[in-house]
N, C-alpha and C. Protein backbone atom coordinates (compact mmCIF):
# COMPACT_ATOMS: atom_id res chain seq x y z
N MET A 1 -42.40 74.66 190.16
CA MET A 1 -42.28 75.84 191.15
C MET A 1 -42.14 75.84 192.50
N ALA A 2 -42.04 76.57 193.61
CA ALA A 2 -41.74 76.86 194.95
C ALA A 2 -42.64 77.89 195.50
N THR A 3 -43.10 78.20 195.87
CA THR A 3 -43.85 78.85 197.27
C THR A 3 -43.30 79.32 198.51
N LEU A 4 -43.42 79.93 199.11
CA LEU A 4 -42.24 80.85 199.44
C LEU A 4 -43.65 81.00 200.67
N VAL A 5 -43.37 80.30 201.85
CA VAL A 5 -44.30 80.50 202.92
C VAL A 5 -43.38 81.31 204.17
N LYS A 6 -42.56 81.45 204.60
CA LYS A 6 -41.37 82.03 205.78
C LYS A 6 -39.96 82.03 205.04
N THR A 7 -39.05 82.63 206.17
CA THR A 7 -37.85 82.43 206.09
C THR A 7 -38.04 82.44 207.86
N THR A 8 -37.15 81.57 207.96
CA THR A 8 -36.80 81.58 209.94
C THR A 8 -36.29 82.70 209.86
N GLN A 9 -35.55 82.15 211.18
CA GLN A 9 -34.43 83.22 212.16
C GLN A 9 -33.75 82.92 211.64
N ASP A 10 -33.25 81.87 211.39
CA ASP A 10 -31.59 81.30 210.73
C ASP A 10 -31.48 81.69 209.17
N GLY A 11 -32.52 82.25 209.00
CA GLY A 11 -32.45 82.16 207.57
C GLY A 11 -32.25 81.53 206.53
N ARG A 12 -33.12 80.00 206.69
CA ARG A 12 -33.48 79.28 205.66
C ARG A 12 -35.02 79.65 205.53
N LYS A 13 -35.12 79.31 204.66
CA LYS A 13 -36.91 79.19 203.73
C LYS A 13 -37.50 78.38 203.48
N VAL A 14 -39.16 78.43 204.56
CA VAL A 14 -39.87 77.03 204.59
C VAL A 14 -40.54 77.29 202.88
N GLU A 15 -39.83 76.74 202.11
CA GLU A 15 -41.57 76.51 200.25
C GLU A 15 -42.42 75.36 200.96
N VAL A 16 -43.46 75.31 199.78
CA VAL A 16 -43.96 74.27 199.28
C VAL A 16 -43.65 74.46 198.03
N HIS A 17 -42.98 72.84 197.50
CA HIS A 17 -42.57 72.62 196.44
C HIS A 17 -43.79 71.54 196.09
N GLY A 18 -44.24 71.51 195.23
CA GLY A 18 -45.94 70.29 194.77
C GLY A 18 -46.49 70.16 195.97
N GLN A 19 -45.91 68.54 196.31
CA GLN A 19 -47.42 67.68 197.71
C GLN A 19 -46.12 67.25 198.79
N ALA A 20 -44.86 69.21 198.42
CA ALA A 20 -43.72 68.97 199.58
C ALA A 20 -43.51 70.18 200.39
N ILE A 21 -43.68 69.71 202.11
CA ILE A 21 -43.30 71.61 202.64
C ILE A 21 -41.79 70.87 202.61
N LEU A 22 -40.36 71.96 202.58
CA LEU A 22 -39.35 72.01 202.50
C LEU A 22 -38.86 72.97 203.28
N LEU A 23 -37.48 72.72 204.23
CA LEU A 23 -36.78 73.76 205.10
C LEU A 23 -35.66 73.52 204.43
N GLY A 24 -35.73 75.08 204.58
CA GLY A 24 -34.05 74.85 203.50
C GLY A 24 -33.76 73.84 202.24
N GLY A 25 -34.61 73.61 201.64
CA GLY A 25 -34.30 72.74 200.39
C GLY A 25 -34.43 71.04 201.05
N LYS A 26 -34.55 70.92 202.13
CA LYS A 26 -35.00 69.47 201.93
C LYS A 26 -36.44 69.44 202.93
N LEU A 27 -36.77 68.36 202.98
CA LEU A 27 -38.13 68.06 203.43
C LEU A 27 -38.57 68.12 204.30
N GLU A 28 -39.29 68.60 204.62
CA GLU A 28 -39.85 68.95 206.31
C GLU A 28 -41.21 67.60 206.06
N ALA A 29 -41.83 68.12 205.46
CA ALA A 29 -43.03 67.32 206.04
C ALA A 29 -43.69 67.53 204.72
N VAL A 30 -45.41 66.26 204.91
CA VAL A 30 -46.45 66.63 203.62
C VAL A 30 -47.40 67.17 204.14
N GLU A 31 -47.58 67.48 204.99
CA GLU A 31 -49.21 68.33 205.72
C GLU A 31 -48.67 68.60 206.49
N LEU A 32 -49.67 69.86 206.76
CA LEU A 32 -49.90 70.50 208.02
C LEU A 32 -50.77 69.57 208.94
N ILE A 33 -50.70 70.08 210.04
CA ILE A 33 -51.24 69.72 211.62
C ILE A 33 -52.00 71.18 212.27
N PRO A 34 -53.21 71.03 212.21
CA PRO A 34 -53.42 72.37 213.48
C PRO A 34 -52.66 71.99 214.50
N VAL A 35 -52.84 73.50 215.06
CA VAL A 35 -52.15 72.41 216.49
C VAL A 35 -52.80 72.39 217.15
N LYS A 36 -54.80 72.23 217.49
CA LYS A 36 -55.17 71.98 218.57
C LYS A 36 -55.60 70.52 218.04
N ASP A 37 -54.71 69.97 217.53
CA ASP A 37 -54.39 68.60 217.18
C ASP A 37 -53.52 67.66 216.95
N HIS A 38 -52.99 68.61 217.72
CA HIS A 38 -51.27 68.53 217.54
C HIS A 38 -50.98 67.43 218.84
N PRO A 39 -50.81 66.60 219.15
CA PRO A 39 -49.94 66.40 221.11
C PRO A 39 -49.98 66.67 221.64
N ASN A 40 -48.78 67.66 220.99
CA ASN A 40 -47.45 68.43 221.83
C ASN A 40 -48.30 69.65 222.08
N ARG A 41 -49.53 70.03 221.98
CA ARG A 41 -50.18 71.20 221.66
C ARG A 41 -50.01 72.37 223.22
N ALA A 42 -49.75 71.71 223.73
CA ALA A 42 -49.77 72.20 225.03
C ALA A 42 -47.85 73.61 225.32
N ALA A 43 -47.34 72.36 224.93
CA ALA A 43 -46.00 73.05 225.07
C ALA A 43 -45.91 73.84 223.55
N ILE A 44 -47.00 73.86 222.62
CA ILE A 44 -46.12 74.51 221.08
C ILE A 44 -46.96 75.68 221.69
N LEU A 45 -48.37 75.94 222.44
CA LEU A 45 -48.33 77.33 222.08
C LEU A 45 -47.81 77.73 224.05
N GLN A 46 -47.37 77.19 224.41
CA GLN A 46 -46.81 78.17 225.75
C GLN A 46 -45.56 78.58 225.04
N ALA A 47 -44.54 77.56 223.95
CA ALA A 47 -43.76 78.58 223.19
C ALA A 47 -43.51 79.24 222.13
N MET A 48 -45.01 78.90 221.65
CA MET A 48 -45.27 80.48 220.37
C MET A 48 -46.93 79.87 220.90
N PRO A 49 -47.41 81.06 221.06
CA PRO A 49 -48.59 80.69 221.08
C PRO A 49 -49.50 81.49 220.19
N GLU A 50 -48.90 82.38 219.23
CA GLU A 50 -48.98 82.02 217.76
C GLU A 50 -49.35 81.72 217.04
N THR A 51 -48.92 80.10 216.67
CA THR A 51 -48.65 79.25 216.63
C THR A 51 -50.31 78.36 215.93
N ALA A 52 -50.34 78.38 214.36
CA ALA A 52 -52.32 77.45 214.85
C ALA A 52 -51.80 75.92 213.54
N TYR A 53 -50.58 75.97 213.13
CA TYR A 53 -50.28 75.00 212.51
C TYR A 53 -48.76 74.63 212.55
N MET A 54 -48.83 73.37 212.27
CA MET A 54 -47.05 72.62 212.95
C MET A 54 -46.82 71.81 211.14
N ALA A 55 -45.73 71.87 210.98
CA ALA A 55 -45.06 70.89 209.36
C ALA A 55 -43.79 70.67 209.96
N GLY A 56 -43.94 69.33 210.28
CA GLY A 56 -43.12 68.99 210.89
C GLY A 56 -42.72 69.51 211.92
N ARG A 57 -41.11 70.79 212.69
CA ARG A 57 -40.84 71.27 213.05
C ARG A 57 -41.04 72.36 212.78
N VAL A 58 -41.49 72.86 211.99
CA VAL A 58 -42.19 74.41 211.84
C VAL A 58 -43.21 74.52 212.19
N ALA A 59 -43.43 76.10 213.24
CA ALA A 59 -44.39 76.14 213.43
C ALA A 59 -45.16 77.38 212.22
N LEU A 60 -46.33 77.44 212.15
CA LEU A 60 -46.64 78.63 210.87
C LEU A 60 -48.24 78.91 211.92
N THR A 61 -47.52 80.28 211.33
CA THR A 61 -49.27 80.78 212.16
C THR A 61 -50.58 81.12 210.87
N GLU A 62 -51.76 81.86 211.31
CA GLU A 62 -52.50 81.14 210.51
C GLU A 62 -52.35 81.33 208.64
N GLU A 63 -52.10 83.04 209.22
CA GLU A 63 -51.26 83.52 207.37
C GLU A 63 -50.07 82.66 207.24
N GLU A 64 -49.49 82.10 207.66
CA GLU A 64 -48.33 80.90 206.64
C GLU A 64 -48.80 80.19 206.44
N GLY A 65 -49.81 79.21 207.47
CA GLY A 65 -50.73 78.07 207.79
C GLY A 65 -51.28 78.53 206.06
N LYS A 66 -52.49 79.00 205.98
CA LYS A 66 -53.10 79.81 204.87
C LYS A 66 -52.07 79.34 203.11
N ILE A 67 -50.65 79.63 203.17
CA ILE A 67 -50.16 80.09 202.59
C ILE A 67 -49.80 79.11 201.74
N ALA A 68 -49.25 78.07 202.57
CA ALA A 68 -49.07 76.80 202.43
C ALA A 68 -50.34 75.96 202.38
N LEU A 69 -51.13 75.52 202.80
CA LEU A 69 -51.91 74.97 202.08
C LEU A 69 -52.88 75.36 201.32
N GLU A 70 -52.46 76.25 200.29
CA GLU A 70 -52.99 76.71 199.15
C GLU A 70 -52.01 76.09 198.58
N ALA A 71 -50.78 76.34 198.20
CA ALA A 71 -49.76 75.89 197.91
C ALA A 71 -49.75 74.54 197.28
N LEU A 72 -50.24 73.75 198.60
CA LEU A 72 -50.53 72.50 198.87
C LEU A 72 -51.74 72.05 197.94
N ALA A 73 -52.56 72.57 198.23
CA ALA A 73 -53.73 72.41 196.71
C ALA A 73 -53.37 72.43 195.45
N LYS A 74 -52.73 73.67 195.23
CA LYS A 74 -52.04 73.50 194.00
C LYS A 74 -51.45 71.99 193.06
N GLY A 75 -50.38 71.90 194.14
CA GLY A 75 -49.37 70.67 193.85
C GLY A 75 -50.61 69.70 193.65
N GLU A 76 -51.10 69.11 194.89
CA GLU A 76 -52.14 68.30 194.30
C GLU A 76 -53.51 68.30 193.04
N GLU A 77 -53.36 69.19 192.82
CA GLU A 77 -54.64 69.10 191.70
C GLU A 77 -52.92 69.42 190.24
N ALA A 78 -51.72 69.59 190.38
CA ALA A 78 -51.30 69.55 189.39
C ALA A 78 -50.45 68.31 189.43
N PHE A 79 -50.86 67.65 190.04
CA PHE A 79 -50.30 65.87 190.64
C PHE A 79 -51.54 64.89 189.55
N LEU A 80 -52.79 65.60 190.23
CA LEU A 80 -53.85 64.30 189.88
C LEU A 80 -54.34 65.17 187.98
N ALA A 81 -53.35 65.97 187.12
CA ALA A 81 -54.31 66.18 186.23
C ALA A 81 -52.95 65.67 185.86
N ASP A 82 -51.88 65.21 186.23
CA ASP A 82 -50.87 64.81 185.39
C ASP A 82 -50.86 63.38 185.35
N PRO A 83 -51.68 62.49 183.57
CA PRO A 83 -52.02 60.89 183.91
C PRO A 83 -50.77 59.85 184.11
N ARG A 84 -49.70 60.33 184.22
CA ARG A 84 -47.79 59.85 184.54
C ARG A 84 -48.02 59.46 186.03
N ALA A 85 -48.38 60.46 186.47
CA ALA A 85 -48.82 60.82 188.06
C ALA A 85 -49.89 59.72 188.56
N ILE A 86 -51.03 59.68 188.35
CA ILE A 86 -51.93 59.38 188.25
C ILE A 86 -51.38 56.66 188.01
N GLU A 87 -51.07 56.70 186.86
CA GLU A 87 -50.53 56.03 186.86
C GLU A 87 -49.49 55.81 187.18
N GLU A 88 -48.53 55.94 187.79
CA GLU A 88 -47.59 55.72 189.15
C GLU A 88 -48.25 55.35 190.50
N ARG A 89 -49.85 56.19 190.58
CA ARG A 89 -50.08 56.59 192.52
C ARG A 89 -50.75 54.53 192.36
N PHE A 90 -51.03 54.13 191.09
CA PHE A 90 -52.16 52.83 191.08
C PHE A 90 -50.84 51.82 190.92
N ARG A 91 -49.97 52.15 190.22
CA ARG A 91 -49.11 51.27 190.34
C ARG A 91 -48.18 50.95 192.34
N HIS A 92 -47.93 51.93 192.42
CA HIS A 92 -47.90 51.72 194.09
C HIS A 92 -48.32 51.05 194.67
N ALA A 93 -50.00 51.42 194.50
CA ALA A 93 -51.37 51.00 195.60
C ALA A 93 -50.58 49.36 194.55
N ALA A 94 -50.82 48.54 193.91
CA ALA A 94 -50.82 47.47 193.20
C ALA A 94 -49.16 46.93 193.95
N ARG A 95 -48.45 47.38 193.97
CA ARG A 95 -47.53 46.82 194.45
C ARG A 95 -48.08 46.43 196.08
N ARG A 96 -48.38 47.60 196.37
CA ARG A 96 -48.06 47.22 198.43
C ARG A 96 -49.68 46.63 198.34
N ARG A 97 -50.41 46.41 197.30
CA ARG A 97 -51.66 45.00 197.56
C ARG A 97 -50.73 43.99 197.64
N GLU A 98 -50.19 43.63 196.85
CA GLU A 98 -49.63 42.52 195.95
C GLU A 98 -48.77 42.24 197.75
N ALA A 99 -47.71 42.86 198.11
CA ALA A 99 -46.90 42.35 199.27
C ALA A 99 -47.72 42.02 200.45
N GLU A 100 -48.67 42.88 200.74
CA GLU A 100 -50.28 42.18 201.83
C GLU A 100 -50.16 40.75 201.76
N LEU A 101 -50.40 40.78 200.15
CA LEU A 101 -50.99 38.96 200.05
C LEU A 101 -50.08 38.20 199.90
N GLY A 102 -48.89 38.70 200.29
CA GLY A 102 -47.96 37.65 199.74
C GLY A 102 -47.93 37.40 198.90
N ILE A 103 -47.64 37.87 197.32
CA ILE A 103 -47.25 37.65 196.39
C ILE A 103 -46.50 38.30 195.75
N GLU A 104 -45.44 38.16 195.01
CA GLU A 104 -44.66 38.77 194.61
C GLU A 104 -44.46 38.50 193.36
């Protein structure tokens, strides 16, 4: 189930689906970055002073950011409640560890 955050000026929907932020149905980001922590904050605030968060290339206001953060938290809860997802996460971590150690 997707949560609508906003619709862009060109009509594309910005939605949160699980742990992903989608723009027009395609992955845009997996996290929100507060503008105060963004490396290009001066340029972002000059162009769009009401921006509080960035989701990839998408600027979000404080209200839109809260909607996205809540939806991402719910997606994280759902993911962590699924035993198969937890097992898959451990499997990927073990593979990464083995690769780092040079074990095939």
